[in-house]
Amino acid sequence: MTEINKDVTAINEALDRFSKASESVGYASGSIDELISERDRTKNPDDKEEFSSQIEKMDYELERSRNEQIRAREDVQKAFEHYYS
């Protein structure tokens, strides 16, 4: 495999990781918004507590996904820099 093909493969893989991480960020963010809305509408204290617990878990997932997105973005930049160097 030529050096250019390896570079293109590295770029594609980095872009794929970034895309998947971005989708995860969007999913988690949307889920949190929905959970907050549901929690605010419910009258049952036990349900409110359960929604709050789910929101906490999704906050953790959102943070993890954002960290992965940052790492993936850095990998995309590095792959392009290597390709154009």
Protein backbone atom coordinates (compact mmCIF):
# COMPACT_ATOMS: atom_id res chain seq x y z
CA MET A 1 0.00 0.00 0.00
CA THR A 2 1.41 3.36 -0.95
CA GLU A 3 2.03 6.11 1.58
CA ILE A 4 -0.81 8.21 0.13
CA ASN A 5 -3.26 5.30 0.46
CA LYS A 6 -2.22 4.83 4.09
CA ASP A 7 -2.75 8.54 4.71
CA VAL A 8 -6.18 8.48 3.07
CA THR A 9 -7.13 5.42 5.13
CA ALA A 10 -5.97 7.16 8.32
CA ILE A 11 -8.03 10.24 7.41
CA ASN A 12 -11.11 8.14 6.71
CA GLU A 13 -10.77 6.23 9.98
CA ALA A 14 -10.29 9.44 11.96
CA LEU A 15 -13.30 11.05 10.27
CA ASP A 16 -15.38 7.95 11.00
CA ARG A 17 -14.45 8.08 14.70
CA PHE A 18 -15.25 11.79 14.81
CA SER A 19 -18.60 11.20 13.12
CA LYS A 20 -19.57 8.43 15.55
CA ALA A 21 -18.49 10.48 18.56
CA SER A 22 -20.49 13.46 17.27
CA GLU A 23 -23.56 11.27 16.87
CA SER A 24 -23.12 10.05 20.45
CA VAL A 25 -22.86 13.64 21.69
CA GLY A 26 -26.05 14.56 19.85
CA TYR A 27 -27.90 11.50 21.12
CA ALA A 28 -26.87 12.06 24.73
CA SER A 29 -27.68 15.76 24.59
CA GLY A 30 -31.11 15.11 23.10
CA SER A 31 -31.80 12.37 25.63
CA ILE A 32 -30.92 14.67 28.50
CA ASP A 33 -33.30 17.33 27.18
CA GLU A 34 -36.10 14.77 26.92
CA LEU A 35 -35.42 13.39 30.40
CA ILE A 36 -35.41 16.87 31.92
CA SER A 37 -38.71 17.63 30.22
CA GLU A 38 -40.25 14.38 31.48
CA ARG A 39 -38.90 14.95 34.98
CA ASP A 40 -40.35 18.45 35.06
CA ARG A 41 -43.79 17.19 33.98
CA THR A 42 -44.10 14.35 36.46
CA LYS A 43 -45.71 14.85 39.85
CA ASN A 44 -44.52 11.61 41.46
CA PRO A 45 -41.39 12.20 43.61
CA ASP A 46 -40.12 8.66 42.94
CA ASP A 47 -40.39 9.24 39.20
CA LYS A 48 -38.61 12.58 39.55
CA GLU A 49 -35.80 10.81 41.39
CA GLU A 50 -35.57 8.12 38.69
CA PHE A 51 -35.46 10.73 35.93
CA SER A 52 -32.75 12.61 37.84
CA SER A 53 -30.75 9.39 38.09
CA GLN A 54 -31.10 8.78 34.36
CA ILE A 55 -30.07 12.38 33.65
CA GLU A 56 -26.96 11.88 35.76
CA LYS A 57 -26.05 8.74 33.81
CA MET A 58 -26.59 10.51 30.49
CA ASP A 59 -24.48 13.45 31.69
CA TYR A 60 -21.64 10.99 32.26
CA GLU A 61 -22.19 9.51 28.78
CA LEU A 62 -22.28 12.99 27.27
CA GLU A 63 -18.98 13.90 28.92
CA ARG A 64 -17.39 10.64 27.77
CA SER A 65 -18.63 11.21 24.23
CA ARG A 66 -17.38 14.80 24.20
CA ASN A 67 -13.94 13.62 25.31
CA GLU A 68 -13.93 11.02 22.53
CA GLN A 69 -15.03 13.70 20.06
CA ILE A 70 -12.13 15.92 21.12
CA ARG A 71 -9.63 13.07 20.71
CA ALA A 72 -11.12 12.15 17.34
CA ARG A 73 -10.96 15.78 16.15
CA GLU A 74 -7.28 15.87 17.10
CA ASP A 75 -6.71 12.64 15.17
CA VAL A 76 -8.43 14.12 12.11
CA GLN A 77 -6.20 17.19 12.29
CA LYS A 78 -3.08 15.07 12.69
CA ALA A 79 -4.07 12.82 9.79
CA PHE A 80 -4.59 15.80 7.49
CA GLU A 81 -1.37 17.45 8.65
CA HIS A 82 0.54 14.26 7.92
CA TYR A 83 -1.11 13.93 4.51
CA TYR A 84 -0.22 17.48 3.51
CA SER A 85 3.30 17.46 4.96
